[in-house]
Protein backbone atom coordinates (compact mmCIF):
# COMPACT_ATOMS: atom_id res chain seq x y z
CA MET A 1 156.51 83.84 64.77
CA ILE A 2 154.90 85.24 67.88
CA VAL A 3 156.21 88.59 69.14
CA LYS A 4 156.04 88.68 72.93
CA ARG A 5 155.29 91.84 74.91
CA ASP A 6 158.97 92.24 75.76
CA GLY A 7 159.95 92.02 72.09
CA ARG A 8 161.20 88.43 72.14
CA ARG A 9 160.17 86.26 69.23
CA GLN A 10 159.27 82.62 69.41
CA GLU A 11 157.82 80.12 67.03
CA PHE A 12 154.10 79.46 67.37
CA ASP A 13 153.63 76.20 69.24
CA PRO A 14 150.11 74.73 69.16
CA ARG A 15 151.03 72.30 71.94
CA LYS A 16 151.96 75.17 74.26
CA LEU A 17 148.71 76.94 73.41
CA ARG A 18 146.74 73.72 74.03
CA ASP A 19 148.43 73.36 77.44
CA LYS A 20 147.54 76.94 78.44
CA ILE A 21 143.93 76.43 77.37
CA ARG A 22 143.74 73.14 79.29
CA ILE A 23 144.97 74.93 82.43
CA ALA A 24 142.16 77.49 82.09
CA LEU A 25 139.71 74.60 81.61
CA THR A 26 140.87 72.61 84.65
CA LYS A 27 137.90 70.78 86.21
CA ARG A 28 135.52 72.19 83.60
CA ALA A 29 133.27 69.90 81.57
CA VAL A 30 134.91 70.58 78.23
CA SER A 31 136.08 67.85 75.87
CA GLU A 32 139.49 67.50 74.27
CA GLU A 33 137.73 67.95 70.94
CA GLU A 34 136.63 71.42 72.04
CA VAL A 35 140.19 72.26 73.10
CA ASP A 36 141.44 71.06 69.72
CA ARG A 37 138.77 73.15 67.99
CA ILE A 38 139.92 76.28 69.82
CA VAL A 39 143.57 75.64 68.95
CA THR A 40 142.63 75.04 65.31
CA ASN A 41 140.51 78.20 65.19
CA VAL A 42 143.28 80.31 66.73
CA GLU A 43 145.88 78.89 64.39
CA SER A 44 143.62 79.44 61.36
CA GLU A 45 142.92 83.02 62.37
CA LEU A 46 146.63 83.74 62.80
CA LEU A 47 147.43 82.22 59.41
CA SER A 48 144.65 84.24 57.79
CA LEU A 49 146.42 87.44 58.86
CA GLY A 50 149.03 86.69 56.21
CA THR A 51 151.95 88.05 58.22
CA VAL A 52 155.16 86.38 59.31
CA GLU A 53 155.01 87.85 62.83
CA VAL A 54 151.97 88.13 65.07
CA PRO A 55 151.84 89.97 68.39
CA SER A 56 151.16 87.74 71.38
CA THR A 57 148.27 90.08 72.21
CA THR A 58 146.52 88.92 69.02
CA VAL A 59 146.89 85.30 70.13
CA GLY A 60 145.62 86.09 73.62
CA GLU A 61 142.60 88.07 72.43
CA THR A 62 141.70 85.32 69.95
CA VAL A 63 141.85 82.68 72.70
CA LEU A 64 139.73 84.89 74.95
CA ARG A 65 137.05 85.23 72.26
CA GLU A 66 136.94 81.45 71.87
CA LEU A 67 136.82 80.78 75.61
CA LYS A 68 134.14 83.42 76.15
CA LYS A 69 131.83 81.47 73.82
CA LEU A 70 132.71 78.13 75.39
CA ASP A 71 133.11 78.55 79.16
CA GLU A 72 132.93 81.77 81.15
CA VAL A 73 134.96 80.42 84.09
CA ALA A 74 137.81 79.38 81.79
CA TYR A 75 137.56 82.79 80.12
CA ILE A 76 138.05 84.56 83.47
CA ARG A 77 140.90 82.22 84.42
CA PHE A 78 142.70 82.83 81.14
CA ALA A 79 141.99 86.57 81.25
CA SER A 80 143.36 86.88 84.79
CA VAL A 81 146.75 85.59 83.64
CA TYR A 82 146.77 87.07 80.15
CA ARG A 83 145.62 90.53 81.22
CA GLN A 84 147.67 90.37 84.41
CA PHE A 85 144.97 91.45 86.85
CA ALA A 86 146.62 93.57 89.52
CA ASP A 87 143.85 93.34 92.08
CA VAL A 88 140.24 92.43 92.78
CA ASP A 89 139.05 95.61 91.07
CA ASP A 90 140.58 94.42 87.78
CA LEU A 91 138.81 91.08 88.22
CA ARG A 92 135.52 92.82 89.05
CA ARG A 93 135.74 95.00 85.93
CA GLU A 94 136.34 91.94 83.76
CA LEU A 95 133.43 90.10 85.40
CA ASP A 96 131.18 93.12 84.79
CA THR A 97 132.23 93.21 81.13
CA LEU A 98 131.56 89.48 80.80
CA ALA A 99 128.15 89.81 82.47
CA ASP A 100 127.24 92.66 80.11
CA SER A 101 128.18 90.61 77.05
CA ILE A 102 126.19 87.61 78.29
CA THR A 103 123.18 89.86 78.88
CA LYS A 104 123.46 91.30 75.36
CA ARG A 105 123.87 87.82 73.86
CA GLN A 106 120.74 86.65 75.66
CA GLY A 107 118.88 89.78 74.59
CA THR A 108 117.83 90.76 78.10
CA GLU A 109 118.47 93.74 80.29
CA PRO A 110 120.44 93.31 83.54
CA ASP A 111 118.42 93.28 86.75
CA GLN A 112 118.68 96.73 88.36
CA THR A 113 117.50 95.63 91.83
């Protein structure tokens, strides 16, 4: 069961998750196999927790981790809905965080010019 932010509980539905991921990946060059891999990874991670109920925040953060590795644009799209960006400043902060993680992953320092 997934526990929503408002306390409602609903059964985990991989099809619903797949649909949400596809929306984030609209017009991105990502295969259905990759979408299926993300759904499988998320589902496996949730099952590995060994609990009957999982907060929706755990699902969202797991999806974000997967999308961050796969496609940065889809990551930002998903994050904007999941994290409920209130304004452009929220978006800018998330973009800065993403840019920092990409820089660290590439092992380079950001350009300070």
